[in-house]
C-alpha atoms as a PDB file:
ATOM      1  CA  MET A   1      -7.397  19.017  12.724  1.00  0.00           C
ATOM      2  CA  ASN A   2      -6.322  17.619   9.352  1.00  0.00           C
ATOM      3  CA  ARG A   3      -7.416  14.242   7.976  1.00  0.00           C
ATOM      4  CA  ARG A   4      -4.072  12.598   8.785  1.00  0.00           C
ATOM      5  CA  THR A   5      -4.230  13.659  12.441  1.00  0.00           C
ATOM      6  CA  GLY A   6      -7.951  12.934  12.703  1.00  0.00           C
ATOM      7  CA  SER A   7      -7.522   9.384  11.475  1.00  0.00           C
ATOM      8  CA  ARG A   8      -4.567   8.464  13.722  1.00  0.00           C
ATOM      9  CA  LEU A   9      -6.501   5.682  15.510  1.00  0.00           C
ATOM     10  CA  ALA A  10      -7.682   4.227  12.195  1.00  0.00           C
ATOM     11  CA  THR A  11      -4.110   4.394  10.906  1.00  0.00           C
ATOM     12  CA  VAL A  12      -2.823   2.517  13.948  1.00  0.00           C
ATOM     13  CA  LEU A  13      -5.504  -0.141  13.439  1.00  0.00           C
ATOM     14  CA  ALA A  14      -4.677  -0.380   9.734  1.00  0.00           C
ATOM     15  CA  ALA A  15      -0.966  -0.667  10.547  1.00  0.00           C
ATOM     16  CA  THR A  16      -1.751  -3.529  12.889  1.00  0.00           C
ATOM     17  CA  ALA A  17      -3.801  -5.289  10.222  1.00  0.00           C
ATOM     18  CA  LEU A  18      -1.162  -4.786   7.514  1.00  0.00           C
ATOM     19  CA  ALA A  19       1.693  -5.784   9.820  1.00  0.00           C
ATOM     20  CA  ALA A  20      -0.139  -9.017  10.574  1.00  0.00           C
ATOM     21  CA  GLY A  21      -0.697  -9.481   6.842  1.00  0.00           C
ATOM     22  CA  VAL A  22      -3.866 -10.133   4.935  1.00  0.00           C
ATOM     23  CA  SER A  23      -3.654 -13.776   5.992  1.00  0.00           C
ATOM     24  CA  GLN A  24      -4.644 -12.679   9.514  1.00  0.00           C
ATOM     25  CA  ALA A  25      -7.724 -10.689   8.418  1.00  0.00           C
ATOM     26  CA  PRO A  26     -11.155 -11.355   9.865  1.00  0.00           C
ATOM     27  CA  ALA A  27     -13.964 -12.601   7.616  1.00  0.00           C
ATOM     28  CA  GLY A  28     -16.065  -9.964   5.846  1.00  0.00           C
ATOM     29  CA  ALA A  29     -15.057  -6.811   3.977  1.00  0.00           C
ATOM     30  CA  THR A  30     -13.040  -4.520   6.232  1.00  0.00           C
ATOM     31  CA  PRO A  31     -12.112  -1.101   4.777  1.00  0.00           C
ATOM     32  CA  TRP A  32      -9.058   0.643   6.253  1.00  0.00           C
ATOM     33  CA  PRO A  33      -7.791   4.154   5.611  1.00  0.00           C
ATOM     34  CA  VAL A  34      -4.052   3.882   4.945  1.00  0.00           C
ATOM     35  CA  ASP A  35      -1.257   6.427   4.656  1.00  0.00           C
ATOM     36  CA  GLY A  36       2.497   6.742   4.762  1.00  0.00           C
ATOM     37  CA  VAL A  37       5.399   9.099   4.079  1.00  0.00           C
ATOM     38  CA  SER A  38       8.802   8.233   2.619  1.00  0.00           C
ATOM     39  CA  THR A  39      11.607   8.362   5.190  1.00  0.00           C
ATOM     40  CA  SER A  40      12.812  11.695   3.708  1.00  0.00           C
ATOM     41  CA  GLY A  41       9.345  13.240   3.988  1.00  0.00           C
ATOM     42  CA  CYS A  42       9.374  14.057   0.254  1.00  0.00           C
ATOM     43  CA  VAL A  43       6.571  11.729  -0.872  1.00  0.00           C
ATOM     44  CA  GLU A  44       3.302  10.668   0.750  1.00  0.00           C
ATOM     45  CA  ALA A  45       0.579   8.143   0.018  1.00  0.00           C
ATOM     46  CA  ASP A  46      -2.946   7.801   1.313  1.00  0.00           C
ATOM     47  CA  GLY A  47      -6.123   6.005   0.393  1.00  0.00           C
ATOM     48  CA  GLN A  48      -8.165   2.948   1.283  1.00  0.00           C
ATOM     49  CA  TYR A  49      -7.532  -0.787   1.455  1.00  0.00           C
ATOM     50  CA  GLU A  50     -10.068  -3.532   2.120  1.00  0.00           C
ATOM     51  CA  TYR A  51     -10.146  -7.297   2.086  1.00  0.00           C
ATOM     52  CA  GLU A  52     -12.391 -10.251   2.764  1.00  0.00           C
ATOM     53  CA  LYS A  53     -12.000 -14.021   3.012  1.00  0.00           C
ATOM     54  CA  THR A  54     -12.754 -16.005  -0.126  1.00  0.00           C
ATOM     55  CA  GLY A  55     -13.968 -19.044   1.825  1.00  0.00           C
ATOM     56  CA  GLU A  56     -10.682 -20.912   1.475  1.00  0.00           C
ATOM     57  CA  PRO A  57      -8.088 -20.953   4.273  1.00  0.00           C
ATOM     58  CA  ASP A  58      -5.581 -18.084   4.000  1.00  0.00           C
ATOM     59  CA  ARG A  59      -7.103 -16.715   0.754  1.00  0.00           C
ATOM     60  CA  TYR A  60      -8.517 -13.226   0.429  1.00  0.00           C
ATOM     61  CA  THR A  61      -9.897 -10.767  -2.081  1.00  0.00           C
ATOM     62  CA  ALA A  62      -8.104  -7.448  -1.552  1.00  0.00           C
ATOM     63  CA  SER A  63      -8.993  -4.086  -3.088  1.00  0.00           C
ATOM     64  CA  TYR A  64      -7.102  -0.817  -2.825  1.00  0.00           C
ATOM     65  CA  TRP A  65      -7.220   2.761  -4.019  1.00  0.00           C
ATOM     66  CA  ILE A  66      -4.113   4.663  -2.902  1.00  0.00           C
ATOM     67  CA  SER A  67      -2.769   7.963  -4.254  1.00  0.00           C
ATOM     68  CA  VAL A  68       0.864   9.070  -4.172  1.00  0.00           C
ATOM     69  CA  SER A  69       2.070  12.700  -4.280  1.00  0.00           C
ATOM     70  CA  THR A  70       5.038  14.884  -3.410  1.00  0.00           C
ATOM     71  CA  THR A  71       4.850  16.889  -0.188  1.00  0.00           C
ATOM     72  CA  GLY A  72       6.649  20.004  -1.511  1.00  0.00           C
ATOM     73  CA  ARG A  73       9.406  19.608   1.105  1.00  0.00           C
ATOM     74  CA  CYS A  74      12.092  18.512  -1.381  1.00  0.00           C
ATOM     75  CA  SER A  75      13.635  19.371  -4.729  1.00  0.00           C
ATOM     76  CA  GLY A  76      11.381  19.243  -7.783  1.00  0.00           C
ATOM     77  CA  SER A  77      13.621  16.486  -9.162  1.00  0.00           C
ATOM     78  CA  VAL A  78      12.328  14.113  -6.466  1.00  0.00           C
ATOM     79  CA  GLY A  79       9.191  12.250  -7.433  1.00  0.00           C
ATOM     80  CA  GLY A  80       7.693   9.182  -5.858  1.00  0.00           C
ATOM     81  CA  HIS A  81       6.384   5.677  -6.330  1.00  0.00           C
ATOM     82  CA  LEU A  82       3.742   3.550  -4.660  1.00  0.00           C
ATOM     83  CA  ARG A  83       4.805  -0.103  -4.608  1.00  0.00           C
ATOM     84  CA  ILE A  84       3.069  -3.393  -3.776  1.00  0.00           C
ATOM     85  CA  ARG A  85       4.123  -6.924  -2.796  1.00  0.00           C
ATOM     86  CA  TYR A  86       1.804  -9.903  -2.207  1.00  0.00           C
ATOM     87  CA  LYS A  87       1.359 -13.651  -2.558  1.00  0.00           C
ATOM     88  CA  GLU A  88      -1.185 -15.072  -5.034  1.00  0.00           C
ATOM     89  CA  TRP A  89      -2.708 -18.581  -4.950  1.00  0.00           C
ATOM     90  CA  LEU A  90      -2.211 -20.299  -8.314  1.00  0.00           C
ATOM     91  CA  GLY A  91      -4.173 -23.503  -7.816  1.00  0.00           C
ATOM     92  CA  SER A  92      -1.542 -25.556  -6.013  1.00  0.00           C
ATOM     93  CA  PHE A  93       1.075 -23.077  -4.743  1.00  0.00           C
ATOM     94  CA  TRP A  94       1.626 -19.487  -3.598  1.00  0.00           C
ATOM     95  CA  GLU A  95       3.454 -17.252  -6.087  1.00  0.00           C
ATOM     96  CA  THR A  96       5.212 -14.226  -4.589  1.00  0.00           C
ATOM     97  CA  HIS A  97       4.778 -10.990  -6.532  1.00  0.00           C
ATOM     98  CA  ASP A  98       7.801  -9.023  -5.373  1.00  0.00           C
ATOM     99  CA  TRP A  99       7.890  -5.217  -5.135  1.00  0.00           C
ATOM    100  CA  GLU A 100       6.248  -3.660  -8.181  1.00  0.00           C
ATOM    101  CA  THR A 101       5.519   0.035  -8.824  1.00  0.00           C
ATOM    102  CA  ILE A 102       1.770   0.591  -9.177  1.00  0.00           C
ATOM    103  CA  ALA A 103       1.586   4.419  -9.172  1.00  0.00           C
ATOM    104  CA  SER A 104       3.933   7.350  -9.715  1.00  0.00           C
ATOM    105  CA  THR A 105       3.862  11.076  -8.982  1.00  0.00           C
ATOM    106  CA  ARG A 106       4.980  11.490 -12.589  1.00  0.00           C
ATOM    107  CA  GLY A 107       2.096   9.376 -13.873  1.00  0.00           C
ATOM    108  CA  ASP A 108      -1.554   9.145 -12.919  1.00  0.00           C
ATOM    109  CA  GLY A 109      -0.654   9.163  -9.200  1.00  0.00           C
ATOM    110  CA  VAL A 110      -3.189   6.511  -8.193  1.00  0.00           C
ATOM    111  CA  GLY A 111      -2.811   2.778  -7.703  1.00  0.00           C
ATOM    112  CA  SER A 112      -6.048   0.783  -7.655  1.00  0.00           C
ATOM    113  CA  ASP A 113      -6.945  -2.832  -8.262  1.00  0.00           C
ATOM    114  CA  THR A 114      -8.771  -5.849  -6.903  1.00  0.00           C
ATOM    115  CA  LEU A 115      -6.643  -8.940  -6.259  1.00  0.00           C
ATOM    116  CA  ILE A 116      -8.240 -12.394  -5.998  1.00  0.00           C
ATOM    117  CA  GLU A 117      -6.959 -15.254  -3.794  1.00  0.00           C
ATOM    118  CA  VAL A 118      -4.048 -13.360  -2.261  1.00  0.00           C
ATOM    119  CA  LYS A 119      -2.395 -12.902   1.132  1.00  0.00           C
ATOM    120  CA  ASP A 120       0.399 -10.885   2.779  1.00  0.00           C
ATOM    121  CA  VAL A 121      -0.340  -7.688   0.820  1.00  0.00           C
ATOM    122  CA  ARG A 122       2.108  -4.848   1.621  1.00  0.00           C
ATOM    123  CA  PHE A 123       2.557  -1.308   0.248  1.00  0.00           C
ATOM    124  CA  LEU A 124       5.583   1.031   0.181  1.00  0.00           C
ATOM    125  CA  VAL A 125       5.905   4.725  -0.634  1.00  0.00           C
ATOM    126  CA  CYS A 126       9.335   5.661  -2.039  1.00  0.00           C
ATOM    127  CA  ASP A 127      11.279   8.653  -3.313  1.00  0.00           C
ATOM    128  CA  SER A 128      12.308   8.431  -6.959  1.00  0.00           C
ATOM    129  CA  THR A 129      14.627  10.340  -9.286  1.00  0.00           C
ATOM    130  CA  ALA A 130      15.869   9.644 -12.797  1.00  0.00           C
ATOM    131  CA  SER A 131      19.048   8.063 -11.405  1.00  0.00           C
ATOM    132  CA  ARG A 132      17.517   6.364  -8.322  1.00  0.00           C
ATOM    133  CA  PRO A 133      14.105   4.781  -8.936  1.00  0.00           C
ATOM    134  CA  ASN A 134      13.174   3.650  -5.398  1.00  0.00           C
ATOM    135  CA  TYR A 135      14.857   4.852  -2.195  1.00  0.00           C
ATOM    136  CA  ASN A 136      13.875   6.241   1.235  1.00  0.00           C
ATOM    137  CA  CYS A 137      10.986   3.757   1.178  1.00  0.00           C
ATOM    138  CA  SER A 138       8.533   3.422   4.056  1.00  0.00           C
ATOM    139  CA  TYR A 139       5.530   1.156   4.602  1.00  0.00           C
ATOM    140  CA  VAL A 140       2.056   2.487   3.914  1.00  0.00           C
ATOM    141  CA  SER A 141      -0.156   1.362   6.775  1.00  0.00           C
END
């Protein structure tokens, strides 16, 4: 049994947590294994995501370490991106950070960071070519 199959229950739980958004997370650090595959099956992502309440309503510290790689099922011209979207508390309002590429199969291949006072964190894995930077995207959960 491979890791992806062996962690199916954890993936379902992580998908539930991510679908609800970080704003619905329980108190205390909660690590989740996460993974996803672009809709074409060309690019995959997997890693870990965790979060904990900061003590303020709807504010969390979120950390992630997620790698992105090609699956070998598609042309060598198809690479991939890992993307993130979240809301950040800026003292008196929530600022939305719209989809941003945080890792590439043509770069270091790993996205990692710790975000402070955030909510609604989401990840996508996407195919990418020189002429089409982000397509066939699917949620990483």
